[in-house]
Amino acid sequence: MGLISELLLPAAPLRGTAWVLRQVQAEAERQYRDPATVQRELAEAERQLLAGEIDEDEFDRREDELLARLENRNPWT
């Protein structure tokens, strides 16, 4: 093995791990903002409101968060 290989091989597992973590993060963000997922969560919040499990304020808070996810913005700003 050459000098370059000797220096780069020990870092290869770290680069591979970093790549995997980036892929997992990207998929999590995709699912988090998926309109179908947001719609299901909104329907569940509405069900809870109608069943008396949450109050109107809690429903409004959840609805704002879910709509912010669709718009790709921070709901707390």
PDB file of N, CA and C in Angstrom:
ATOM      1  N   MET A   1       0.839  -1.187   0.000  1.00  0.00           N
ATOM      2  CA  MET A   1       0.000   0.000   0.000  1.00  0.00           C
ATOM      3  C   MET A   1       0.875   1.238   0.000  1.00  0.00           C
ATOM      4  N   GLY A   2       0.369   2.252  -0.641  1.00  0.00           N
ATOM      5  CA  GLY A   2       1.114   3.489  -0.696  1.00  0.00           C
ATOM      6  C   GLY A   2       0.831   4.361   0.521  1.00  0.00           C
ATOM      7  N   LEU A   3       1.570   5.411   0.618  1.00  0.00           N
ATOM      8  CA  LEU A   3       1.434   6.330   1.745  1.00  0.00           C
ATOM      9  C   LEU A   3       0.038   6.940   1.807  1.00  0.00           C
ATOM     10  N   ILE A   4      -0.496   7.310   0.663  1.00  0.00           N
ATOM     11  CA  ILE A   4      -1.842   7.915   0.625  1.00  0.00           C
ATOM     12  C   ILE A   4      -2.873   6.915   1.144  1.00  0.00           C
ATOM     13  N   SER A   5      -2.798   5.673   0.684  1.00  0.00           N
ATOM     14  CA  SER A   5      -3.732   4.646   1.139  1.00  0.00           C
ATOM     15  C   SER A   5      -3.613   4.426   2.631  1.00  0.00           C
ATOM     16  N   GLU A   6      -2.400   4.405   3.126  1.00  0.00           N
ATOM     17  CA  GLU A   6      -2.172   4.207   4.560  1.00  0.00           C
ATOM     18  C   GLU A   6      -2.823   5.323   5.375  1.00  0.00           C
ATOM     19  N   LEU A   7      -2.807   6.538   4.848  1.00  0.00           N
ATOM     20  CA  LEU A   7      -3.380   7.670   5.570  1.00  0.00           C
ATOM     21  C   LEU A   7      -4.898   7.731   5.447  1.00  0.00           C
ATOM     22  N   LEU A   8      -5.447   7.339   4.315  1.00  0.00           N
ATOM     23  CA  LEU A   8      -6.875   7.476   4.070  1.00  0.00           C
ATOM     24  C   LEU A   8      -7.706   6.295   4.547  1.00  0.00           C
ATOM     25  N   LEU A   9      -7.175   5.103   4.551  1.00  0.00           N
ATOM     26  CA  LEU A   9      -7.946   3.927   4.937  1.00  0.00           C
ATOM     27  C   LEU A   9      -8.531   4.020   6.352  1.00  0.00           C
ATOM     28  N   PRO A  10      -7.808   4.489   7.340  1.00  0.00           N
ATOM     29  CA  PRO A  10      -8.421   4.564   8.673  1.00  0.00           C
ATOM     30  C   PRO A  10      -9.623   5.513   8.737  1.00  0.00           C
ATOM     31  N   ALA A  11      -9.695   6.495   7.864  1.00  0.00           N
ATOM     32  CA  ALA A  11     -10.807   7.443   7.871  1.00  0.00           C
ATOM     33  C   ALA A  11     -12.012   6.935   7.090  1.00  0.00           C
ATOM     34  N   ALA A  12     -11.856   5.896   6.299  1.00  0.00           N
ATOM     35  CA  ALA A  12     -12.945   5.398   5.454  1.00  0.00           C
ATOM     36  C   ALA A  12     -14.197   5.027   6.260  1.00  0.00           C
ATOM     37  N   PRO A  13     -14.078   4.312   7.379  1.00  0.00           N
ATOM     38  CA  PRO A  13     -15.295   4.005   8.145  1.00  0.00           C
ATOM     39  C   PRO A  13     -16.013   5.263   8.646  1.00  0.00           C
ATOM     40  N   LEU A  14     -15.257   6.285   8.977  1.00  0.00           N
ATOM     41  CA  LEU A  14     -15.887   7.522   9.439  1.00  0.00           C
ATOM     42  C   LEU A  14     -16.644   8.213   8.315  1.00  0.00           C
ATOM     43  N   ARG A  15     -16.055   8.228   7.133  1.00  0.00           N
ATOM     44  CA  ARG A  15     -16.748   8.832   5.989  1.00  0.00           C
ATOM     45  C   ARG A  15     -18.002   8.047   5.646  1.00  0.00           C
ATOM     46  N   GLY A  16     -17.917   6.725   5.709  1.00  0.00           N
ATOM     47  CA  GLY A  16     -19.079   5.877   5.434  1.00  0.00           C
ATOM     48  C   GLY A  16     -20.184   6.090   6.455  1.00  0.00           C
ATOM     49  N   THR A  17     -19.804   6.199   7.711  1.00  0.00           N
ATOM     50  CA  THR A  17     -20.778   6.441   8.770  1.00  0.00           C
ATOM     51  C   THR A  17     -21.435   7.798   8.594  1.00  0.00           C
ATOM     52  N   ALA A  18     -20.664   8.808   8.257  1.00  0.00           N
ATOM     53  CA  ALA A  18     -21.211  10.150   8.041  1.00  0.00           C
ATOM     54  C   ALA A  18     -22.189  10.140   6.876  1.00  0.00           C
ATOM     55  N   TRP A  19     -21.867   9.405   5.812  1.00  0.00           N
ATOM     56  CA  TRP A  19     -22.765   9.318   4.656  1.00  0.00           C
ATOM     57  C   TRP A  19     -24.086   8.659   5.061  1.00  0.00           C
ATOM     58  N   VAL A  20     -23.998   7.569   5.815  1.00  0.00           N
ATOM     59  CA  VAL A  20     -25.211   6.866   6.259  1.00  0.00           C
ATOM     60  C   VAL A  20     -26.060   7.792   7.128  1.00  0.00           C
ATOM     61  N   LEU A  21     -25.442   8.519   8.026  1.00  0.00           N
ATOM     62  CA  LEU A  21     -26.187   9.439   8.886  1.00  0.00           C
ATOM     63  C   LEU A  21     -26.878  10.535   8.077  1.00  0.00           C
ATOM     64  N   ARG A  22     -26.205  11.044   7.049  1.00  0.00           N
ATOM     65  CA  ARG A  22     -26.839  12.051   6.181  1.00  0.00           C
ATOM     66  C   ARG A  22     -28.044  11.469   5.451  1.00  0.00           C
ATOM     67  N   GLN A  23     -27.932  10.219   4.999  1.00  0.00           N
ATOM     68  CA  GLN A  23     -29.047   9.576   4.308  1.00  0.00           C
ATOM     69  C   GLN A  23     -30.232   9.365   5.249  1.00  0.00           C
ATOM     70  N   VAL A  24     -29.950   8.941   6.471  1.00  0.00           N
ATOM     71  CA  VAL A  24     -31.013   8.729   7.459  1.00  0.00           C
ATOM     72  C   VAL A  24     -31.698  10.052   7.788  1.00  0.00           C
ATOM     73  N   GLN A  25     -30.922  11.093   7.956  1.00  0.00           N
ATOM     74  CA  GLN A  25     -31.491  12.410   8.241  1.00  0.00           C
ATOM     75  C   GLN A  25     -32.366  12.896   7.093  1.00  0.00           C
ATOM     76  N   ALA A  26     -31.904  12.733   5.873  1.00  0.00           N
ATOM     77  CA  ALA A  26     -32.677  13.174   4.707  1.00  0.00           C
ATOM     78  C   ALA A  26     -33.999  12.421   4.613  1.00  0.00           C
ATOM     79  N   GLU A  27     -33.979  11.130   4.871  1.00  0.00           N
ATOM     80  CA  GLU A  27     -35.208  10.334   4.819  1.00  0.00           C
ATOM     81  C   GLU A  27     -36.159  10.726   5.950  1.00  0.00           C
ATOM     82  N   ALA A  28     -35.631  10.958   7.129  1.00  0.00           N
ATOM     83  CA  ALA A  28     -36.471  11.384   8.254  1.00  0.00           C
ATOM     84  C   ALA A  28     -37.140  12.721   7.949  1.00  0.00           C
ATOM     85  N   GLU A  29     -36.397  13.648   7.371  1.00  0.00           N
ATOM     86  CA  GLU A  29     -36.975  14.941   7.011  1.00  0.00           C
ATOM     87  C   GLU A  29     -38.023  14.792   5.916  1.00  0.00           C
ATOM     88  N   ARG A  30     -37.781  13.903   4.959  1.00  0.00           N
ATOM     89  CA  ARG A  30     -38.755  13.673   3.898  1.00  0.00           C
ATOM     90  C   ARG A  30     -40.057  13.139   4.473  1.00  0.00           C
ATOM     91  N   GLN A  31     -39.961  12.168   5.367  1.00  0.00           N
ATOM     92  CA  GLN A  31     -41.152  11.603   5.980  1.00  0.00           C
ATOM     93  C   GLN A  31     -41.850  12.622   6.879  1.00  0.00           C
ATOM     94  N   TYR A  32     -41.075  13.423   7.581  1.00  0.00           N
ATOM     95  CA  TYR A  32     -41.623  14.433   8.483  1.00  0.00           C
ATOM     96  C   TYR A  32     -42.489  15.435   7.724  1.00  0.00           C
ATOM     97  N   ARG A  33     -42.082  15.778   6.505  1.00  0.00           N
ATOM     98  CA  ARG A  33     -42.796  16.776   5.711  1.00  0.00           C
ATOM     99  C   ARG A  33     -43.746  16.169   4.675  1.00  0.00           C
ATOM    100  N   ASP A  34     -43.850  14.858   4.634  1.00  0.00           N
ATOM    101  CA  ASP A  34     -44.707  14.186   3.665  1.00  0.00           C
ATOM    102  C   ASP A  34     -46.164  14.595   3.882  1.00  0.00           C
ATOM    103  N   PRO A  35     -46.823  15.122   2.848  1.00  0.00           N
ATOM    104  CA  PRO A  35     -48.213  15.575   3.008  1.00  0.00           C
ATOM    105  C   PRO A  35     -49.158  14.491   3.526  1.00  0.00           C
ATOM    106  N   ALA A  36     -48.969  13.248   3.123  1.00  0.00           N
ATOM    107  CA  ALA A  36     -49.842  12.169   3.596  1.00  0.00           C
ATOM    108  C   ALA A  36     -49.673  11.949   5.103  1.00  0.00           C
ATOM    109  N   THR A  37     -48.443  12.016   5.582  1.00  0.00           N
ATOM    110  CA  THR A  37     -48.186  11.854   7.008  1.00  0.00           C
ATOM    111  C   THR A  37     -48.805  13.007   7.783  1.00  0.00           C
ATOM    112  N   VAL A  38     -48.617  14.220   7.297  1.00  0.00           N
ATOM    113  CA  VAL A  38     -49.171  15.395   7.966  1.00  0.00           C
ATOM    114  C   VAL A  38     -50.695  15.309   7.982  1.00  0.00           C
ATOM    115  N   GLN A  39     -51.280  14.876   6.889  1.00  0.00           N
ATOM    116  CA  GLN A  39     -52.740  14.754   6.812  1.00  0.00           C
ATOM    117  C   GLN A  39     -53.252  13.734   7.824  1.00  0.00           C
ATOM    118  N   ARG A  40     -52.564  12.601   7.962  1.00  0.00           N
ATOM    119  CA  ARG A  40     -52.971  11.596   8.954  1.00  0.00           C
ATOM    120  C   ARG A  40     -52.888  12.154  10.365  1.00  0.00           C
ATOM    121  N   GLU A  41     -51.813  12.892  10.650  1.00  0.00           N
ATOM    122  CA  GLU A  41     -51.658  13.463  11.985  1.00  0.00           C
ATOM    123  C   GLU A  41     -52.709  14.531  12.252  1.00  0.00           C
ATOM    124  N   LEU A  42     -53.058  15.296  11.244  1.00  0.00           N
ATOM    125  CA  LEU A  42     -54.099  16.307  11.398  1.00  0.00           C
ATOM    126  C   LEU A  42     -55.458  15.636  11.642  1.00  0.00           C
ATOM    127  N   ALA A  43     -55.742  14.570  10.919  1.00  0.00           N
ATOM    128  CA  ALA A  43     -56.996  13.828  11.129  1.00  0.00           C
ATOM    129  C   ALA A  43     -57.041  13.240  12.536  1.00  0.00           C
ATOM    130  N   GLU A  44     -55.910  12.755  13.020  1.00  0.00           N
ATOM    131  CA  GLU A  44     -55.859  12.206  14.383  1.00  0.00           C
ATOM    132  C   GLU A  44     -56.098  13.298  15.414  1.00  0.00           C
ATOM    133  N   ALA A  45     -55.525  14.461  15.200  1.00  0.00           N
ATOM    134  CA  ALA A  45     -55.745  15.578  16.127  1.00  0.00           C
ATOM    135  C   ALA A  45     -57.222  15.983  16.125  1.00  0.00           C
ATOM    136  N   GLU A  46     -57.839  15.990  14.956  1.00  0.00           N
ATOM    137  CA  GLU A  46     -59.264  16.336  14.872  1.00  0.00           C
ATOM    138  C   GLU A  46     -60.111  15.283  15.587  1.00  0.00           C
ATOM    139  N   ARG A  47     -59.762  14.010  15.434  1.00  0.00           N
ATOM    140  CA  ARG A  47     -60.466  12.943  16.131  1.00  0.00           C
ATOM    141  C   ARG A  47     -60.370  13.127  17.634  1.00  0.00           C
ATOM    142  N   GLN A  48     -59.155  13.467  18.109  1.00  0.00           N
ATOM    143  CA  GLN A  48     -58.957  13.680  19.539  1.00  0.00           C
ATOM    144  C   GLN A  48     -59.766  14.876  20.036  1.00  0.00           C
ATOM    145  N   LEU A  49     -59.841  15.918  19.237  1.00  0.00           N
ATOM    146  CA  LEU A  49     -60.627  17.095  19.608  1.00  0.00           C
ATOM    147  C   LEU A  49     -62.103  16.722  19.735  1.00  0.00           C
ATOM    148  N   LEU A  50     -62.614  16.022  18.746  1.00  0.00           N
ATOM    149  CA  LEU A  50     -64.027  15.642  18.768  1.00  0.00           C
ATOM    150  C   LEU A  50     -64.345  14.650  19.888  1.00  0.00           C
ATOM    151  N   ALA A  51     -63.377  13.837  20.269  1.00  0.00           N
ATOM    152  CA  ALA A  51     -63.566  12.866  21.350  1.00  0.00           C
ATOM    153  C   ALA A  51     -63.362  13.499  22.728  1.00  0.00           C
ATOM    154  N   GLY A  52     -62.951  14.770  22.740  1.00  0.00           N
ATOM    155  CA  GLY A  52     -62.729  15.447  24.016  1.00  0.00           C
ATOM    156  C   GLY A  52     -61.402  15.105  24.670  1.00  0.00           C
ATOM    157  N   GLU A  53     -60.502  14.480  23.917  1.00  0.00           N
ATOM    158  CA  GLU A  53     -59.203  14.099  24.463  1.00  0.00           C
ATOM    159  C   GLU A  53     -58.245  15.285  24.534  1.00  0.00           C
ATOM    160  N   ILE A  54     -58.449  16.278  23.660  1.00  0.00           N
ATOM    161  CA  ILE A  54     -57.656  17.508  23.697  1.00  0.00           C
ATOM    162  C   ILE A  54     -58.615  18.686  23.574  1.00  0.00           C
ATOM    163  N   ASP A  55     -58.167  19.848  24.030  1.00  0.00           N
ATOM    164  CA  ASP A  55     -59.019  21.028  23.922  1.00  0.00           C
ATOM    165  C   ASP A  55     -58.706  21.801  22.639  1.00  0.00           C
ATOM    166  N   GLU A  56     -59.475  22.851  22.415  1.00  0.00           N
ATOM    167  CA  GLU A  56     -59.338  23.651  21.188  1.00  0.00           C
ATOM    168  C   GLU A  56     -57.946  24.278  21.073  1.00  0.00           C
ATOM    169  N   ASP A  57     -57.399  24.733  22.201  1.00  0.00           N
ATOM    170  CA  ASP A  57     -56.065  25.345  22.169  1.00  0.00           C
ATOM    171  C   ASP A  57     -54.998  24.341  21.739  1.00  0.00           C
ATOM    172  N   GLU A  58     -55.069  23.124  22.276  1.00  0.00           N
ATOM    173  CA  GLU A  58     -54.108  22.085  21.904  1.00  0.00           C
ATOM    174  C   GLU A  58     -54.269  21.726  20.427  1.00  0.00           C
ATOM    175  N   PHE A  59     -55.500  21.628  19.961  1.00  0.00           N
ATOM    176  CA  PHE A  59     -55.739  21.332  18.545  1.00  0.00           C
ATOM    177  C   PHE A  59     -55.138  22.428  17.667  1.00  0.00           C
ATOM    178  N   ASP A  60     -55.372  23.686  18.030  1.00  0.00           N
ATOM    179  CA  ASP A  60     -54.831  24.804  17.252  1.00  0.00           C
ATOM    180  C   ASP A  60     -53.311  24.771  17.209  1.00  0.00           C
ATOM    181  N   ARG A  61     -52.678  24.448  18.341  1.00  0.00           N
ATOM    182  CA  ARG A  61     -51.218  24.367  18.402  1.00  0.00           C
ATOM    183  C   ARG A  61     -50.710  23.273  17.461  1.00  0.00           C
ATOM    184  N   ARG A  62     -51.335  22.091  17.535  1.00  0.00           N
ATOM    185  CA  ARG A  62     -50.924  20.980  16.671  1.00  0.00           C
ATOM    186  C   ARG A  62     -51.155  21.306  15.199  1.00  0.00           C
ATOM    187  N   GLU A  63     -52.299  21.909  14.916  1.00  0.00           N
ATOM    188  CA  GLU A  63     -52.606  22.268  13.533  1.00  0.00           C
ATOM    189  C   GLU A  63     -51.564  23.238  12.977  1.00  0.00           C
ATOM    190  N   ASP A  64     -51.180  24.238  13.783  1.00  0.00           N
ATOM    191  CA  ASP A  64     -50.154  25.189  13.350  1.00  0.00           C
ATOM    192  C   ASP A  64     -48.830  24.483  13.065  1.00  0.00           C
ATOM    193  N   GLU A  65     -48.439  23.557  13.946  1.00  0.00           N
ATOM    194  CA  GLU A  65     -47.196  22.813  13.745  1.00  0.00           C
ATOM    195  C   GLU A  65     -47.248  21.985  12.462  1.00  0.00           C
ATOM    196  N   LEU A  66     -48.371  21.311  12.242  1.00  0.00           N
ATOM    197  CA  LEU A  66     -48.492  20.452  11.064  1.00  0.00           C
ATOM    198  C   LEU A  66     -48.477  21.269   9.779  1.00  0.00           C
ATOM    199  N   LEU A  67     -49.180  22.379   9.773  1.00  0.00           N
ATOM    200  CA  LEU A  67     -49.178  23.226   8.578  1.00  0.00           C
ATOM    201  C   LEU A  67     -47.798  23.824   8.327  1.00  0.00           C
ATOM    202  N   ALA A  68     -47.079  24.141   9.399  1.00  0.00           N
ATOM    203  CA  ALA A  68     -45.713  24.654   9.250  1.00  0.00           C
ATOM    204  C   ALA A  68     -44.805  23.593   8.628  1.00  0.00           C
ATOM    205  N   ARG A  69     -45.024  22.326   9.000  1.00  0.00           N
ATOM    206  CA  ARG A  69     -44.228  21.247   8.403  1.00  0.00           C
ATOM    207  C   ARG A  69     -44.447  21.192   6.904  1.00  0.00           C
ATOM    208  N   LEU A  70     -45.675  21.379   6.473  1.00  0.00           N
ATOM    209  CA  LEU A  70     -45.951  21.359   5.038  1.00  0.00           C
ATOM    210  C   LEU A  70     -45.290  22.526   4.324  1.00  0.00           C
ATOM    211  N   GLU A  71     -45.218  23.658   4.996  1.00  0.00           N
ATOM    212  CA  GLU A  71     -44.625  24.854   4.398  1.00  0.00           C
ATOM    213  C   GLU A  71     -43.116  24.892   4.575  1.00  0.00           C
ATOM    214  N   ASN A  72     -42.568  23.858   5.253  1.00  0.00           N
ATOM    215  CA  ASN A  72     -41.125  23.756   5.467  1.00  0.00           C
ATOM    216  C   ASN A  72     -40.582  24.950   6.236  1.00  0.00           C
ATOM    217  N   ARG A  73     -41.269  25.310   7.308  1.00  0.00           N
ATOM    218  CA  ARG A  73     -40.800  26.410   8.138  1.00  0.00           C
ATOM    219  C   ARG A  73     -40.870  25.987   9.591  1.00  0.00           C
ATOM    220  N   ASN A  74     -40.222  26.756  10.429  1.00  0.00           N
ATOM    221  CA  ASN A  74     -40.202  26.502  11.860  1.00  0.00           C
ATOM    222  C   ASN A  74     -41.523  26.993  12.463  1.00  0.00           C
ATOM    223  N   PRO A  75     -42.312  26.109  13.104  1.00  0.00           N
ATOM    224  CA  PRO A  75     -43.606  26.516  13.636  1.00  0.00           C
ATOM    225  C   PRO A  75     -43.504  27.401  14.878  1.00  0.00           C
ATOM    226  N   TRP A  76     -42.325  27.507  15.483  1.00  0.00           N
ATOM    227  CA  TRP A  76     -42.187  28.261  16.724  1.00  0.00           C
ATOM    228  C   TRP A  76     -41.640  29.656  16.510  1.00  0.00           C
ATOM    229  N   THR A  77     -41.520  30.071  15.251  1.00  0.00           N
ATOM    230  CA  THR A  77     -41.023  31.422  14.994  1.00  0.00           C
ATOM    231  C   THR A  77     -42.153  32.355  14.631  1.00  0.00           C
TER     232      THR A  77
END
